[in-house]
Amino acid sequence: MSNVMSKAQELIEARLAELEPGSPRYEVLRAARDFKAAWIELGEKLTMVLEKKLYEDWGYSTFDDYCQEELRVRKGTATKLTRSYSFLRDNEPDMLNSAGITEAVPQFEVTDLLRKAKESPNIDEPTYGDLRDKAFSPDTTRASFLRQVRDLD
């Protein structure tokens, strides 16, 4: 991932530089900075495990068994994470290049809904483009985006 920073990330980094590491305020800001990168990193790692079938080397017969038994991640969550990561990798690679340091990457649930919208035969390209813009807006919530997609499909 590159070191391209959004304005929001620059502000957080500047504030972190002013604070005492380990202080409660520092830790909250650090967690906010790392929050979006966390789902992408987990999605990336899980996608690698799934695509390379590494879970078999670790004694699991299925990817779902691995996720449930070792990671305590439900099948639905693992599926959304891997599909969302793969969608970004295949359709929005520029977002992944700076995913750990930008506010532009949506929650994995929003990314998964955008993936479903792109695959829907009922949603044309201009409509998808509008949805994409809304999905990557920092003001979009999972609930509001879900309503928009349901209204179209």
N, C-alpha and C. Protein backbone atom coordinates (compact mmCIF):
# COMPACT_ATOMS: atom_id res chain seq x y z
N MET A 1 0.84 -1.18 0.00
CA MET A 1 0.00 0.00 0.00
C MET A 1 0.89 1.24 0.00
N SER A 2 0.46 2.23 -0.68
CA SER A 2 1.27 3.43 -0.81
C SER A 2 1.13 4.31 0.43
N ASN A 3 1.88 5.40 0.42
CA ASN A 3 1.83 6.32 1.54
C ASN A 3 1.06 7.59 1.21
N VAL A 4 0.10 7.51 0.32
CA VAL A 4 -0.74 8.65 -0.03
C VAL A 4 -1.72 8.88 1.11
N MET A 5 -1.79 10.11 1.63
CA MET A 5 -2.67 10.40 2.75
C MET A 5 -3.79 11.33 2.35
N SER A 6 -4.97 11.04 2.89
CA SER A 6 -6.09 11.96 2.73
C SER A 6 -5.90 13.12 3.69
N LYS A 7 -6.69 14.16 3.50
CA LYS A 7 -6.64 15.32 4.39
C LYS A 7 -6.99 14.90 5.82
N ALA A 8 -8.01 14.05 5.95
CA ALA A 8 -8.41 13.58 7.28
C ALA A 8 -7.26 12.82 7.95
N GLN A 9 -6.60 11.98 7.18
CA GLN A 9 -5.49 11.22 7.74
C GLN A 9 -4.34 12.14 8.14
N GLU A 10 -4.06 13.14 7.33
CA GLU A 10 -3.01 14.10 7.67
C GLU A 10 -3.31 14.80 8.99
N LEU A 11 -4.58 15.16 9.19
CA LEU A 11 -4.98 15.82 10.43
C LEU A 11 -4.81 14.89 11.63
N ILE A 12 -5.20 13.64 11.47
CA ILE A 12 -5.04 12.68 12.56
C ILE A 12 -3.56 12.48 12.88
N GLU A 13 -2.74 12.32 11.84
CA GLU A 13 -1.30 12.14 12.06
C GLU A 13 -0.69 13.34 12.77
N ALA A 14 -1.09 14.54 12.38
CA ALA A 14 -0.57 15.75 13.02
C ALA A 14 -0.97 15.79 14.49
N ARG A 15 -2.20 15.43 14.77
CA ARG A 15 -2.67 15.42 16.16
C ARG A 15 -1.92 14.36 16.96
N LEU A 16 -1.72 13.19 16.37
CA LEU A 16 -0.98 12.13 17.06
C LEU A 16 0.42 12.60 17.43
N ALA A 17 1.06 13.35 16.54
CA ALA A 17 2.41 13.84 16.80
C ALA A 17 2.46 14.79 17.99
N GLU A 18 1.33 15.42 18.29
CA GLU A 18 1.27 16.38 19.40
C GLU A 18 0.97 15.72 20.74
N LEU A 19 0.47 14.49 20.70
CA LEU A 19 0.02 13.83 21.92
C LEU A 19 1.04 12.84 22.45
N GLU A 20 0.88 12.55 23.73
CA GLU A 20 1.76 11.57 24.38
C GLU A 20 1.33 10.17 23.97
N PRO A 21 2.23 9.39 23.34
CA PRO A 21 1.88 8.01 23.00
C PRO A 21 1.44 7.24 24.24
N GLY A 22 0.39 6.46 24.08
CA GLY A 22 -0.14 5.69 25.19
C GLY A 22 -1.22 6.39 25.99
N SER A 23 -1.35 7.70 25.80
CA SER A 23 -2.41 8.41 26.52
C SER A 23 -3.76 8.00 25.93
N PRO A 24 -4.83 8.13 26.71
CA PRO A 24 -6.14 7.72 26.19
C PRO A 24 -6.52 8.41 24.88
N ARG A 25 -6.27 9.71 24.78
CA ARG A 25 -6.64 10.42 23.56
C ARG A 25 -5.81 9.92 22.37
N TYR A 26 -4.53 9.69 22.58
CA TYR A 26 -3.66 9.16 21.54
C TYR A 26 -4.18 7.80 21.06
N GLU A 27 -4.53 6.94 22.00
CA GLU A 27 -4.99 5.59 21.65
C GLU A 27 -6.30 5.61 20.87
N VAL A 28 -7.20 6.51 21.21
CA VAL A 28 -8.46 6.62 20.47
C VAL A 28 -8.18 7.09 19.04
N LEU A 29 -7.34 8.09 18.90
CA LEU A 29 -6.99 8.57 17.55
C LEU A 29 -6.28 7.50 16.74
N ARG A 30 -5.38 6.77 17.36
CA ARG A 30 -4.67 5.70 16.67
C ARG A 30 -5.65 4.63 16.21
N ALA A 31 -6.60 4.29 17.08
CA ALA A 31 -7.60 3.28 16.71
C ALA A 31 -8.48 3.76 15.55
N ALA A 32 -8.84 5.05 15.57
CA ALA A 32 -9.64 5.60 14.47
C ALA A 32 -8.85 5.53 13.17
N ARG A 33 -7.58 5.84 13.24
CA ARG A 33 -6.72 5.78 12.05
C ARG A 33 -6.64 4.36 11.49
N ASP A 34 -6.54 3.41 12.38
CA ASP A 34 -6.33 2.02 11.97
C ASP A 34 -7.61 1.27 11.63
N PHE A 35 -8.76 1.86 11.98
CA PHE A 35 -10.03 1.13 11.87
C PHE A 35 -10.31 0.61 10.46
N LYS A 36 -10.26 1.45 9.47
CA LYS A 36 -10.59 1.02 8.11
C LYS A 36 -9.54 0.08 7.54
N ALA A 37 -8.30 0.31 7.89
CA ALA A 37 -7.24 -0.57 7.41
C ALA A 37 -7.43 -1.98 7.94
N ALA A 38 -8.02 -2.11 9.12
CA ALA A 38 -8.15 -3.42 9.75
C ALA A 38 -9.01 -4.37 8.92
N TRP A 39 -10.18 -3.92 8.44
CA TRP A 39 -11.02 -4.84 7.68
C TRP A 39 -10.36 -5.19 6.35
N ILE A 40 -9.67 -4.23 5.77
CA ILE A 40 -9.02 -4.50 4.49
C ILE A 40 -7.88 -5.49 4.67
N GLU A 41 -7.11 -5.31 5.72
CA GLU A 41 -6.00 -6.24 5.96
C GLU A 41 -6.54 -7.64 6.24
N LEU A 42 -7.57 -7.75 7.07
CA LEU A 42 -8.15 -9.06 7.34
C LEU A 42 -8.75 -9.66 6.07
N GLY A 43 -9.46 -8.84 5.30
CA GLY A 43 -10.02 -9.32 4.03
C GLY A 43 -8.94 -9.80 3.09
N GLU A 44 -7.83 -9.07 3.01
CA GLU A 44 -6.72 -9.47 2.15
C GLU A 44 -6.14 -10.81 2.60
N LYS A 45 -5.91 -10.95 3.90
CA LYS A 45 -5.32 -12.18 4.43
C LYS A 45 -6.27 -13.36 4.25
N LEU A 46 -7.54 -13.15 4.54
CA LEU A 46 -8.52 -14.23 4.37
C LEU A 46 -8.66 -14.64 2.91
N THR A 47 -8.60 -13.66 2.00
CA THR A 47 -8.67 -13.96 0.57
C THR A 47 -7.49 -14.81 0.15
N MET A 48 -6.32 -14.50 0.66
CA MET A 48 -5.13 -15.30 0.36
C MET A 48 -5.31 -16.73 0.88
N VAL A 49 -5.79 -16.87 2.11
CA VAL A 49 -6.02 -18.20 2.68
C VAL A 49 -7.01 -18.97 1.83
N LEU A 50 -8.09 -18.32 1.42
CA LEU A 50 -9.12 -18.96 0.61
C LEU A 50 -8.60 -19.35 -0.77
N GLU A 51 -7.96 -18.41 -1.46
CA GLU A 51 -7.51 -18.66 -2.83
C GLU A 51 -6.39 -19.69 -2.90
N LYS A 52 -5.53 -19.72 -1.90
CA LYS A 52 -4.41 -20.68 -1.89
C LYS A 52 -4.75 -21.96 -1.10
N LYS A 53 -5.97 -22.00 -0.55
CA LYS A 53 -6.43 -23.14 0.24
C LYS A 53 -5.45 -23.47 1.37
N LEU A 54 -4.89 -22.45 1.99
CA LEU A 54 -3.93 -22.64 3.08
C LEU A 54 -4.56 -23.34 4.27
N TYR A 55 -5.86 -23.17 4.44
CA TYR A 55 -6.55 -23.81 5.56
C TYR A 55 -6.37 -25.32 5.54
N GLU A 56 -6.21 -25.92 4.35
CA GLU A 56 -6.00 -27.36 4.26
C GLU A 56 -4.66 -27.75 4.88
N ASP A 57 -3.63 -26.91 4.66
CA ASP A 57 -2.31 -27.16 5.26
C ASP A 57 -2.37 -27.10 6.78
N TRP A 58 -3.37 -26.39 7.28
CA TRP A 58 -3.49 -26.20 8.72
C TRP A 58 -4.47 -27.18 9.37
N GLY A 59 -4.91 -28.18 8.58
CA GLY A 59 -5.74 -29.24 9.12
C GLY A 59 -7.24 -29.01 9.06
N TYR A 60 -7.69 -28.01 8.31
CA TYR A 60 -9.12 -27.75 8.19
C TYR A 60 -9.61 -28.22 6.83
N SER A 61 -10.79 -28.83 6.80
CA SER A 61 -11.32 -29.34 5.54
C SER A 61 -11.96 -28.26 4.69
N THR A 62 -12.45 -27.18 5.34
CA THR A 62 -13.06 -26.09 4.58
C THR A 62 -12.59 -24.74 5.12
N PHE A 63 -12.71 -23.74 4.28
CA PHE A 63 -12.40 -22.38 4.67
C PHE A 63 -13.33 -21.93 5.80
N ASP A 64 -14.61 -22.29 5.67
CA ASP A 64 -15.57 -21.91 6.71
C ASP A 64 -15.21 -22.51 8.06
N ASP A 65 -14.78 -23.78 8.07
CA ASP A 65 -14.36 -24.41 9.32
C ASP A 65 -13.17 -23.68 9.92
N TYR A 66 -12.21 -23.32 9.08
CA TYR A 66 -11.04 -22.59 9.55
C TYR A 66 -11.46 -21.27 10.21
N CYS A 67 -12.28 -20.50 9.51
CA CYS A 67 -12.70 -19.20 10.03
C CYS A 67 -13.45 -19.34 11.35
N GLN A 68 -14.36 -20.29 11.40
CA GLN A 68 -15.18 -20.48 12.60
C GLN A 68 -14.35 -21.00 13.77
N GLU A 69 -13.58 -22.04 13.53
CA GLU A 69 -12.89 -22.72 14.63
C GLU A 69 -11.62 -22.00 15.09
N GLU A 70 -10.85 -21.47 14.16
CA GLU A 70 -9.60 -20.84 14.56
C GLU A 70 -9.73 -19.35 14.82
N LEU A 71 -10.47 -18.67 13.96
CA LEU A 71 -10.57 -17.22 14.08
C LEU A 71 -11.80 -16.75 14.84
N ARG A 72 -12.78 -17.64 14.99
CA ARG A 72 -14.06 -17.29 15.59
C ARG A 72 -14.76 -16.21 14.77
N VAL A 73 -14.65 -16.33 13.46
CA VAL A 73 -15.31 -15.42 12.52
C VAL A 73 -16.40 -16.22 11.83
N ARG A 74 -17.62 -15.71 11.88
CA ARG A 74 -18.74 -16.40 11.25
C ARG A 74 -18.58 -16.48 9.74
N LYS A 75 -19.18 -17.52 9.17
CA LYS A 75 -19.11 -17.74 7.72
C LYS A 75 -19.55 -16.51 6.95
N GLY A 76 -20.67 -15.91 7.33
CA GLY A 76 -21.19 -14.73 6.63
C GLY A 76 -20.23 -13.56 6.67
N THR A 77 -19.60 -13.36 7.81
CA THR A 77 -18.64 -12.26 7.94
C THR A 77 -17.41 -12.52 7.09
N ALA A 78 -16.89 -13.75 7.13
CA ALA A 78 -15.72 -14.10 6.33
C ALA A 78 -16.03 -13.94 4.84
N THR A 79 -17.21 -14.35 4.44
CA THR A 79 -17.61 -14.23 3.04
C THR A 79 -17.68 -12.76 2.62
N LYS A 80 -18.30 -11.92 3.45
CA LYS A 80 -18.37 -10.50 3.12
C LYS A 80 -16.98 -9.87 3.06
N LEU A 81 -16.11 -10.24 3.98
CA LEU A 81 -14.75 -9.69 3.98
C LEU A 81 -13.98 -10.09 2.73
N THR A 82 -14.03 -11.37 2.36
CA THR A 82 -13.28 -11.82 1.19
C THR A 82 -13.88 -11.27 -0.09
N ARG A 83 -15.20 -11.23 -0.19
CA ARG A 83 -15.83 -10.68 -1.39
C ARG A 83 -15.59 -9.18 -1.50
N SER A 84 -15.65 -8.48 -0.38
CA SER A 84 -15.43 -7.03 -0.40
C SER A 84 -14.00 -6.72 -0.79
N TYR A 85 -13.05 -7.44 -0.19
CA TYR A 85 -11.65 -7.21 -0.55
C TYR A 85 -11.41 -7.53 -2.03
N SER A 86 -11.92 -8.67 -2.49
CA SER A 86 -11.73 -9.06 -3.89
C SER A 86 -12.36 -8.04 -4.83
N PHE A 87 -13.52 -7.52 -4.45
CA PHE A 87 -14.19 -6.50 -5.26
C PHE A 87 -13.30 -5.27 -5.40
N LEU A 88 -12.76 -4.79 -4.28
CA LEU A 88 -11.88 -3.62 -4.34
C LEU A 88 -10.63 -3.93 -5.16
N ARG A 89 -10.04 -5.09 -4.94
CA ARG A 89 -8.83 -5.47 -5.67
C ARG A 89 -9.08 -5.49 -7.18
N ASP A 90 -10.23 -6.03 -7.57
CA ASP A 90 -10.52 -6.20 -8.99
C ASP A 90 -11.14 -4.96 -9.65
N ASN A 91 -11.86 -4.13 -8.89
CA ASN A 91 -12.60 -3.00 -9.46
C ASN A 91 -12.12 -1.63 -9.01
N GLU A 92 -11.49 -1.54 -7.88
CA GLU A 92 -11.05 -0.25 -7.33
C GLU A 92 -9.62 -0.36 -6.79
N PRO A 93 -8.68 -0.81 -7.62
CA PRO A 93 -7.32 -1.02 -7.11
C PRO A 93 -6.67 0.23 -6.55
N ASP A 94 -7.05 1.41 -7.04
CA ASP A 94 -6.48 2.64 -6.50
C ASP A 94 -6.88 2.86 -5.05
N MET A 95 -8.07 2.40 -4.68
CA MET A 95 -8.51 2.51 -3.29
C MET A 95 -7.65 1.62 -2.39
N LEU A 96 -7.29 0.47 -2.87
CA LEU A 96 -6.46 -0.43 -2.07
C LEU A 96 -5.05 0.09 -1.91
N ASN A 97 -4.56 0.82 -2.88
CA ASN A 97 -3.21 1.35 -2.78
C ASN A 97 -3.04 2.27 -1.58
N SER A 98 -4.13 2.90 -1.16
CA SER A 98 -4.03 3.81 -0.02
C SER A 98 -5.05 3.47 1.06
N ALA A 99 -5.55 2.24 1.04
CA ALA A 99 -6.66 1.86 1.92
C ALA A 99 -6.37 2.07 3.40
N GLY A 100 -5.15 1.85 3.81
CA GLY A 100 -4.87 1.98 5.23
C GLY A 100 -4.81 3.40 5.72
N ILE A 101 -4.86 4.35 4.82
CA ILE A 101 -4.63 5.73 5.24
C ILE A 101 -5.59 6.71 4.60
N THR A 102 -6.75 6.25 4.21
CA THR A 102 -7.71 7.16 3.60
C THR A 102 -9.08 6.97 4.22
N GLU A 103 -9.83 8.03 4.25
CA GLU A 103 -11.20 7.96 4.73
C GLU A 103 -12.14 7.50 3.62
N ALA A 104 -11.66 7.37 2.40
CA ALA A 104 -12.52 7.09 1.25
C ALA A 104 -13.01 5.66 1.18
N VAL A 105 -12.33 4.71 1.80
CA VAL A 105 -12.74 3.32 1.71
C VAL A 105 -13.93 3.09 2.64
N PRO A 106 -15.04 2.59 2.08
CA PRO A 106 -16.22 2.38 2.92
C PRO A 106 -16.09 1.16 3.82
N GLN A 107 -17.04 1.02 4.72
CA GLN A 107 -17.12 -0.18 5.56
C GLN A 107 -17.26 -1.39 4.66
N PHE A 108 -16.84 -2.56 5.15
CA PHE A 108 -16.90 -3.75 4.29
C PHE A 108 -18.33 -4.10 3.92
N GLU A 109 -19.29 -3.79 4.76
CA GLU A 109 -20.69 -4.07 4.42
C GLU A 109 -21.15 -3.21 3.25
N VAL A 110 -20.71 -1.95 3.21
CA VAL A 110 -21.06 -1.05 2.11
C VAL A 110 -20.36 -1.53 0.83
N THR A 111 -19.11 -1.93 0.96
CA THR A 111 -18.38 -2.45 -0.20
C THR A 111 -19.06 -3.69 -0.74
N ASP A 112 -19.53 -4.56 0.13
CA ASP A 112 -20.22 -5.77 -0.32
C ASP A 112 -21.53 -5.42 -1.03
N LEU A 113 -22.25 -4.44 -0.52
CA LEU A 113 -23.49 -4.00 -1.20
C LEU A 113 -23.17 -3.38 -2.56
N LEU A 114 -22.08 -2.64 -2.66
CA LEU A 114 -21.68 -2.07 -3.95
C LEU A 114 -21.33 -3.19 -4.93
N ARG A 115 -20.66 -4.21 -4.45
CA ARG A 115 -20.34 -5.37 -5.28
C ARG A 115 -21.62 -6.01 -5.82
N LYS A 116 -22.61 -6.20 -4.95
CA LYS A 116 -23.88 -6.78 -5.37
C LYS A 116 -24.58 -5.89 -6.39
N ALA A 117 -24.50 -4.59 -6.19
CA ALA A 117 -25.13 -3.65 -7.13
C ALA A 117 -24.47 -3.76 -8.50
N LYS A 118 -23.16 -3.88 -8.53
CA LYS A 118 -22.44 -3.98 -9.81
C LYS A 118 -22.85 -5.24 -10.55
N GLU A 119 -23.12 -6.31 -9.82
CA GLU A 119 -23.50 -7.59 -10.43
C GLU A 119 -24.98 -7.66 -10.81
N SER A 120 -25.78 -6.75 -10.30
CA SER A 120 -27.22 -6.80 -10.54
C SER A 120 -27.57 -6.44 -11.98
N PRO A 121 -28.38 -7.27 -12.63
CA PRO A 121 -28.82 -6.93 -13.99
C PRO A 121 -29.81 -5.77 -14.01
N ASN A 122 -30.34 -5.40 -12.86
CA ASN A 122 -31.33 -4.32 -12.77
C ASN A 122 -30.71 -2.94 -12.60
N ILE A 123 -29.39 -2.88 -12.45
CA ILE A 123 -28.72 -1.60 -12.21
C ILE A 123 -27.79 -1.31 -13.39
N ASP A 124 -28.08 -0.22 -14.11
CA ASP A 124 -27.28 0.13 -15.28
C ASP A 124 -26.00 0.87 -14.85
N GLU A 125 -25.11 1.11 -15.80
CA GLU A 125 -23.81 1.73 -15.49
C GLU A 125 -23.93 3.13 -14.89
N PRO A 126 -24.78 4.02 -15.45
CA PRO A 126 -24.89 5.35 -14.82
C PRO A 126 -25.38 5.28 -13.37
N THR A 127 -26.34 4.40 -13.13
CA THR A 127 -26.86 4.24 -11.76
C THR A 127 -25.78 3.67 -10.86
N TYR A 128 -25.04 2.69 -11.38
CA TYR A 128 -23.94 2.13 -10.60
C TYR A 128 -22.91 3.21 -10.28
N GLY A 129 -22.61 4.06 -11.25
CA GLY A 129 -21.66 5.15 -11.01
C GLY A 129 -22.10 6.07 -9.88
N ASP A 130 -23.40 6.37 -9.85
CA ASP A 130 -23.93 7.18 -8.75
C ASP A 130 -23.79 6.46 -7.42
N LEU A 131 -24.10 5.16 -7.42
CA LEU A 131 -23.97 4.36 -6.19
C LEU A 131 -22.51 4.30 -5.73
N ARG A 132 -21.61 4.15 -6.69
CA ARG A 132 -20.19 4.10 -6.36
C ARG A 132 -19.76 5.38 -5.67
N ASP A 133 -20.19 6.52 -6.24
CA ASP A 133 -19.84 7.80 -5.64
C ASP A 133 -20.39 7.91 -4.22
N LYS A 134 -21.62 7.45 -4.01
CA LYS A 134 -22.21 7.49 -2.67
C LYS A 134 -21.48 6.55 -1.72
N ALA A 135 -21.11 5.37 -2.21
CA ALA A 135 -20.42 4.39 -1.36
C ALA A 135 -19.09 4.93 -0.85
N PHE A 136 -18.38 5.67 -1.69
CA PHE A 136 -17.07 6.19 -1.31
C PHE A 136 -17.13 7.56 -0.65
N SER A 137 -18.34 8.04 -0.39
CA SER A 137 -18.49 9.29 0.34
C SER A 137 -18.34 9.02 1.84
N PRO A 138 -17.58 9.84 2.55
CA PRO A 138 -17.39 9.61 3.99
C PRO A 138 -18.68 9.76 4.80
N ASP A 139 -19.70 10.37 4.23
CA ASP A 139 -20.96 10.57 4.95
C ASP A 139 -21.92 9.39 4.83
N THR A 140 -21.61 8.41 3.98
CA THR A 140 -22.51 7.29 3.74
C THR A 140 -22.40 6.27 4.86
N THR A 141 -23.55 5.87 5.37
CA THR A 141 -23.60 4.81 6.38
C THR A 141 -24.10 3.53 5.72
N ARG A 142 -23.87 2.41 6.37
CA ARG A 142 -24.34 1.12 5.86
C ARG A 142 -25.85 1.14 5.69
N ALA A 143 -26.56 1.67 6.66
CA ALA A 143 -28.03 1.69 6.61
C ALA A 143 -28.54 2.56 5.46
N SER A 144 -27.96 3.74 5.29
CA SER A 144 -28.44 4.61 4.21
C SER A 144 -28.11 4.03 2.85
N PHE A 145 -26.95 3.40 2.72
CA PHE A 145 -26.58 2.81 1.44
C PHE A 145 -27.45 1.60 1.14
N LEU A 146 -27.75 0.80 2.15
CA LEU A 146 -28.63 -0.35 1.96
C LEU A 146 -30.00 0.09 1.44
N ARG A 147 -30.55 1.17 2.00
CA ARG A 147 -31.84 1.68 1.51
C ARG A 147 -31.74 2.09 0.04
N GLN A 148 -30.68 2.76 -0.32
CA GLN A 148 -30.51 3.19 -1.72
C GLN A 148 -30.43 2.01 -2.67
N VAL A 149 -29.69 0.99 -2.29
CA VAL A 149 -29.55 -0.19 -3.16
C VAL A 149 -30.86 -0.95 -3.24
N ARG A 150 -31.54 -1.13 -2.13
CA ARG A 150 -32.84 -1.84 -2.14
C ARG A 150 -33.87 -1.13 -3.00
N ASP A 151 -33.85 0.20 -2.97
CA ASP A 151 -34.80 0.97 -3.77
C ASP A 151 -34.57 0.76 -5.27
N LEU A 152 -33.36 0.43 -5.66
CA LEU A 152 -33.02 0.28 -7.07
C LEU A 152 -33.19 -1.14 -7.59
N ASP A 153 -32.99 -2.10 -6.74
CA ASP A 153 -32.95 -3.49 -7.18
C ASP A 153 -34.30 -4.17 -7.13
